[in-house]
Structures are given as structure tokens and as C-alpha cells.
Amino acid sequence: MLIVCPDSLELAFLTGALSGHFTVLAARDADEAARLSAHFGPCQLAYLTLDADEDPATLLKELDGLAPRIITLLHGPSPKRLSGDQEGVCRLPLSPGALLARTWQALGLPQPGKLPCRPSMSVLTSEEVAFLLGRPLADAQAVGAPA
């Protein structure tokens, strides 16, 4: 699973919603997505967040070959031009449950009943999530803080 989202908070939310059930690669732009894909291999599905004024065709072209299915997550109204390269379009905000349901559907997998999350498979550590959210680390405050 690949998520491409320039907003750090939103990227952390989307990654957190899916990483308990899938292996997730989180990227802020197409270049970072390409580097991750080169290192870890292509993904089965990619989510790409777009604002209403962004051109999906350009961004989809940059992600070509990184995932066979791409779902666009949109803020605001749908863009006037949608590309045929997309598996689907979802409007944001989206609840974690709805995102998971859409992911199971896109992958052609039956949606499981109440399965526990796989916490050990999370891509982001609690420190990384804190960093993405802009929270200072407790150790950095205690060690580097002036007396």
C-alpha cells in the first residue's frame, strides 16, 4: 500500500488507519514515492491526495508503474478532468473504517469481520508519528533543555 500526501498530519492519519491491516509506504510527493517503491518494490494499491485545483493527470503520470491501482482522495469538489488511470475517487474527510472498507474493496478482498490490528506491522513508530505531528520528543526536551 502506497500513500502519497503532502500534508504531514493527513499522511500520519491515513497511514495509521491502514498500517494496522496492511504494510504501508508513506510518501509526501511522487519523488519520495518512487524512492520507496524502488527500495521496497511496487505496491498493489496507491492512495493519492489531491486538492480541487490540482491536475490529476500530471500527478498520476508521475506515479506510473508504482501501483497498478490508484485511488484519488479529493479535498473539495471533483476536478473537471478525471483520468482513466484511476481506480476510483473518494472525497475527504473519510473515516478510518470507510477508508479500510474502500481498501478491501479495491484490492478485491472480502472485508473481514472484527479482526484485530497488527500493531507490530505498523510502519511508523510512536516517535515518528510525534515528529510528523510536530510534537517535541520527551527525551529531546529532557536532555537538551537548558537548566
C-alpha atoms as a PDB file:
ATOM      1  CA  MET A   1       0.000   0.000   0.000  1.00  0.00           C
ATOM      2  CA  LEU A   2       1.384   3.389  -1.003  1.00  0.00           C
ATOM      3  CA  ILE A   3       0.031   6.705   0.285  1.00  0.00           C
ATOM      4  CA  VAL A   4       1.142   9.947  -1.357  1.00  0.00           C
ATOM      5  CA  CYS A   5       0.074  13.007   0.608  1.00  0.00           C
ATOM      6  CA  PRO A   6       1.942  16.307   1.047  1.00  0.00           C
ATOM      7  CA  ASP A   7       0.219  17.148   4.345  1.00  0.00           C
ATOM      8  CA  SER A   8       2.111  15.531   7.266  1.00  0.00           C
ATOM      9  CA  LEU A   9      -0.860  15.331   9.610  1.00  0.00           C
ATOM     10  CA  GLU A  10      -3.109  13.807   6.971  1.00  0.00           C
ATOM     11  CA  LEU A  11      -0.347  11.404   5.906  1.00  0.00           C
ATOM     12  CA  ALA A  12       0.025  10.252   9.525  1.00  0.00           C
ATOM     13  CA  PHE A  13      -3.762   9.776   9.824  1.00  0.00           C
ATOM     14  CA  LEU A  14      -4.060   7.775   6.584  1.00  0.00           C
ATOM     15  CA  THR A  15      -1.001   5.677   7.426  1.00  0.00           C
ATOM     16  CA  GLY A  16      -2.275   4.999  10.928  1.00  0.00           C
ATOM     17  CA  ALA A  17      -5.716   3.993   9.638  1.00  0.00           C
ATOM     18  CA  LEU A  18      -4.253   1.405   7.260  1.00  0.00           C
ATOM     19  CA  SER A  19      -0.973   0.246   8.820  1.00  0.00           C
ATOM     20  CA  GLY A  20      -2.692  -1.965  11.372  1.00  0.00           C
ATOM     21  CA  HIS A  21      -4.034  -4.086   8.500  1.00  0.00           C
ATOM     22  CA  PHE A  22      -1.616  -3.550   5.598  1.00  0.00           C
ATOM     23  CA  THR A  23       2.035  -2.804   5.019  1.00  0.00           C
ATOM     24  CA  VAL A  24       2.088   0.908   4.173  1.00  0.00           C
ATOM     25  CA  LEU A  25       4.651   3.097   2.446  1.00  0.00           C
ATOM     26  CA  ALA A  26       4.041   6.768   3.248  1.00  0.00           C
ATOM     27  CA  ALA A  27       5.366   9.472   0.909  1.00  0.00           C
ATOM     28  CA  ARG A  28       4.929  13.239   0.776  1.00  0.00           C
ATOM     29  CA  ASP A  29       5.420  13.521  -3.000  1.00  0.00           C
ATOM     30  CA  ALA A  30       5.924  11.477  -6.173  1.00  0.00           C
ATOM     31  CA  ASP A  31       9.733  11.564  -5.874  1.00  0.00           C
ATOM     32  CA  GLU A  32       9.648  10.089  -2.380  1.00  0.00           C
ATOM     33  CA  ALA A  33       7.077   7.518  -3.548  1.00  0.00           C
ATOM     34  CA  ALA A  34       9.405   6.491  -6.389  1.00  0.00           C
ATOM     35  CA  ARG A  35      12.349   6.082  -3.976  1.00  0.00           C
ATOM     36  CA  LEU A  36      10.277   3.979  -1.582  1.00  0.00           C
ATOM     37  CA  SER A  37       8.931   1.867  -4.419  1.00  0.00           C
ATOM     38  CA  ALA A  38      12.441   1.310  -5.799  1.00  0.00           C
ATOM     39  CA  HIS A  39      13.587   0.117  -2.370  1.00  0.00           C
ATOM     40  CA  PHE A  40      10.539  -1.941  -1.306  1.00  0.00           C
ATOM     41  CA  GLY A  41       9.051  -2.858  -4.694  1.00  0.00           C
ATOM     42  CA  PRO A  42       5.759  -1.831  -6.278  1.00  0.00           C
ATOM     43  CA  CYS A  43       2.562  -1.762  -4.237  1.00  0.00           C
ATOM     44  CA  GLN A  44      -0.803  -3.301  -5.035  1.00  0.00           C
ATOM     45  CA  LEU A  45      -2.690  -0.067  -4.382  1.00  0.00           C
ATOM     46  CA  ALA A  46      -1.863   3.625  -4.024  1.00  0.00           C
ATOM     47  CA  TYR A  47      -3.813   6.482  -2.497  1.00  0.00           C
ATOM     48  CA  LEU A  48      -3.100   9.951  -3.844  1.00  0.00           C
ATOM     49  CA  THR A  49      -4.497  13.043  -2.126  1.00  0.00           C
ATOM     50  CA  LEU A  50      -5.439  15.986  -4.325  1.00  0.00           C
ATOM     51  CA  ASP A  51      -6.829  19.449  -3.796  1.00  0.00           C
ATOM     52  CA  ALA A  52      -9.644  20.516  -6.112  1.00  0.00           C
ATOM     53  CA  ASP A  53      -7.326  22.774  -8.140  1.00  0.00           C
ATOM     54  CA  GLU A  54      -4.675  20.106  -8.818  1.00  0.00           C
ATOM     55  CA  ASP A  55      -4.464  18.286 -12.142  1.00  0.00           C
ATOM     56  CA  PRO A  56      -4.817  14.543 -11.510  1.00  0.00           C
ATOM     57  CA  ALA A  57      -3.369  13.563 -14.902  1.00  0.00           C
ATOM     58  CA  THR A  58       0.036  15.113 -14.138  1.00  0.00           C
ATOM     59  CA  LEU A  59       0.301  13.536 -10.696  1.00  0.00           C
ATOM     60  CA  LEU A  60      -0.910  10.149 -11.928  1.00  0.00           C
ATOM     61  CA  LYS A  61       1.719  10.197 -14.671  1.00  0.00           C
ATOM     62  CA  GLU A  62       4.402  10.744 -12.014  1.00  0.00           C
ATOM     63  CA  LEU A  63       3.155   7.656 -10.137  1.00  0.00           C
ATOM     64  CA  ASP A  64       3.001   5.460 -13.246  1.00  0.00           C
ATOM     65  CA  GLY A  65       4.324   1.978 -12.526  1.00  0.00           C
ATOM     66  CA  LEU A  66       4.378   2.343  -8.732  1.00  0.00           C
ATOM     67  CA  ALA A  67       0.986   0.655  -8.249  1.00  0.00           C
ATOM     68  CA  PRO A  68      -1.481  -0.967 -10.670  1.00  0.00           C
ATOM     69  CA  ARG A  69      -4.445   0.670  -8.903  1.00  0.00           C
ATOM     70  CA  ILE A  70      -4.583   4.288  -7.758  1.00  0.00           C
ATOM     71  CA  ILE A  71      -7.416   5.818  -5.779  1.00  0.00           C
ATOM     72  CA  THR A  72      -7.581   9.581  -5.629  1.00  0.00           C
ATOM     73  CA  LEU A  73      -8.584  11.146  -2.318  1.00  0.00           C
ATOM     74  CA  LEU A  74     -10.070  14.576  -3.010  1.00  0.00           C
ATOM     75  CA  HIS A  75     -10.473  17.682  -0.932  1.00  0.00           C
ATOM     76  CA  GLY A  76     -13.399  19.736  -2.155  1.00  0.00           C
ATOM     77  CA  PRO A  77     -15.314  19.220  -5.392  1.00  0.00           C
ATOM     78  CA  SER A  78     -14.125  16.791  -8.044  1.00  0.00           C
ATOM     79  CA  PRO A  79     -11.744  18.228 -10.617  1.00  0.00           C
ATOM     80  CA  LYS A  80     -13.190  18.872 -14.053  1.00  0.00           C
ATOM     81  CA  ARG A  81     -10.813  16.412 -15.685  1.00  0.00           C
ATOM     82  CA  LEU A  82     -10.505  12.955 -14.189  1.00  0.00           C
ATOM     83  CA  SER A  83      -8.050  10.489 -15.640  1.00  0.00           C
ATOM     84  CA  GLY A  84      -8.918   6.967 -16.709  1.00  0.00           C
ATOM     85  CA  ASP A  85      -5.804   5.787 -14.850  1.00  0.00           C
ATOM     86  CA  GLN A  86      -7.603   5.995 -11.519  1.00  0.00           C
ATOM     87  CA  GLU A  87      -9.212   3.029  -9.823  1.00  0.00           C
ATOM     88  CA  GLY A  88     -11.616   5.366  -8.065  1.00  0.00           C
ATOM     89  CA  VAL A  89     -12.186   8.645  -6.316  1.00  0.00           C
ATOM     90  CA  CYS A  90     -13.099   9.232  -2.658  1.00  0.00           C
ATOM     91  CA  ARG A  91     -13.993  12.505  -1.002  1.00  0.00           C
ATOM     92  CA  LEU A  92     -12.146  13.587   2.128  1.00  0.00           C
ATOM     93  CA  PRO A  93     -12.614  13.643   5.056  1.00  0.00           C
ATOM     94  CA  LEU A  94     -13.025   9.887   5.297  1.00  0.00           C
ATOM     95  CA  SER A  95     -13.368   7.853   8.483  1.00  0.00           C
ATOM     96  CA  PRO A  96     -10.781   5.131   9.157  1.00  0.00           C
ATOM     97  CA  GLY A  97     -13.490   2.482   8.799  1.00  0.00           C
ATOM     98  CA  ALA A  98     -14.620   3.827   5.427  1.00  0.00           C
ATOM     99  CA  LEU A  99     -11.007   4.004   4.244  1.00  0.00           C
ATOM    100  CA  LEU A 100     -10.426   0.394   5.267  1.00  0.00           C
ATOM    101  CA  ALA A 101     -13.654  -0.737   3.566  1.00  0.00           C
ATOM    102  CA  ARG A 102     -12.670   1.059   0.345  1.00  0.00           C
ATOM    103  CA  THR A 103      -9.210  -0.517   0.513  1.00  0.00           C
ATOM    104  CA  TRP A 104     -10.563  -4.065   0.923  1.00  0.00           C
ATOM    105  CA  GLN A 105     -12.931  -3.428  -1.994  1.00  0.00           C
ATOM    106  CA  ALA A 106     -10.200  -2.016  -4.264  1.00  0.00           C
ATOM    107  CA  LEU A 107      -7.954  -4.997  -3.566  1.00  0.00           C
ATOM    108  CA  GLY A 108     -10.800  -7.397  -4.322  1.00  0.00           C
ATOM    109  CA  LEU A 109     -10.595  -8.917  -0.862  1.00  0.00           C
ATOM    110  CA  PRO A 110     -13.551  -9.821   1.307  1.00  0.00           C
ATOM    111  CA  GLN A 111     -13.938  -7.372   4.128  1.00  0.00           C
ATOM    112  CA  PRO A 112     -13.098  -9.294   7.276  1.00  0.00           C
ATOM    113  CA  GLY A 113     -15.188  -9.216  10.393  1.00  0.00           C
ATOM    114  CA  LYS A 114     -13.716  -7.715  13.518  1.00  0.00           C
ATOM    115  CA  LEU A 115     -10.072  -8.621  13.098  1.00  0.00           C
ATOM    116  CA  PRO A 116      -7.519  -7.241  15.498  1.00  0.00           C
ATOM    117  CA  CYS A 117      -4.990  -4.796  14.129  1.00  0.00           C
ATOM    118  CA  ARG A 118      -1.453  -5.937  13.540  1.00  0.00           C
ATOM    119  CA  PRO A 119       0.350  -3.417  15.764  1.00  0.00           C
ATOM    120  CA  SER A 120       3.732  -4.973  15.092  1.00  0.00           C
ATOM    121  CA  MET A 121       3.326  -4.299  11.358  1.00  0.00           C
ATOM    122  CA  SER A 122       2.955  -0.532  11.764  1.00  0.00           C
ATOM    123  CA  VAL A 123       5.348   1.371   9.544  1.00  0.00           C
ATOM    124  CA  LEU A 124       5.604   4.399  11.826  1.00  0.00           C
ATOM    125  CA  THR A 125       6.876   4.274  15.386  1.00  0.00           C
ATOM    126  CA  SER A 126       5.271   6.456  18.038  1.00  0.00           C
ATOM    127  CA  GLU A 127       8.293   8.772  17.811  1.00  0.00           C
ATOM    128  CA  GLU A 128       7.835   9.128  14.041  1.00  0.00           C
ATOM    129  CA  VAL A 129       4.141   9.902  14.458  1.00  0.00           C
ATOM    130  CA  ALA A 130       5.017  12.511  17.103  1.00  0.00           C
ATOM    131  CA  PHE A 131       7.555  14.052  14.714  1.00  0.00           C
ATOM    132  CA  LEU A 132       5.044  14.151  11.833  1.00  0.00           C
ATOM    133  CA  LEU A 133       2.512  15.799  14.099  1.00  0.00           C
ATOM    134  CA  GLY A 134       5.081  18.363  15.217  1.00  0.00           C
ATOM    135  CA  ARG A 135       5.185  17.220  18.826  1.00  0.00           C
ATOM    136  CA  PRO A 136       8.568  17.555  20.562  1.00  0.00           C
ATOM    137  CA  LEU A 137      10.141  14.351  21.789  1.00  0.00           C
ATOM    138  CA  ALA A 138      10.236  13.945  25.566  1.00  0.00           C
ATOM    139  CA  ASP A 139      13.884  12.783  25.525  1.00  0.00           C
ATOM    140  CA  ALA A 140      14.987  15.794  23.469  1.00  0.00           C
ATOM    141  CA  GLN A 141      13.380  18.164  25.954  1.00  0.00           C
ATOM    142  CA  ALA A 142      14.892  16.457  28.982  1.00  0.00           C
ATOM    143  CA  VAL A 143      18.412  16.034  27.570  1.00  0.00           C
ATOM    144  CA  GLY A 144      18.845  19.194  25.507  1.00  0.00           C
ATOM    145  CA  ALA A 145      16.844  21.621  27.623  1.00  0.00           C
ATOM    146  CA  PRO A 146      18.823  24.326  29.379  1.00  0.00           C
ATOM    147  CA  ALA A 147      18.742  24.154  33.170  1.00  0.00           C
END
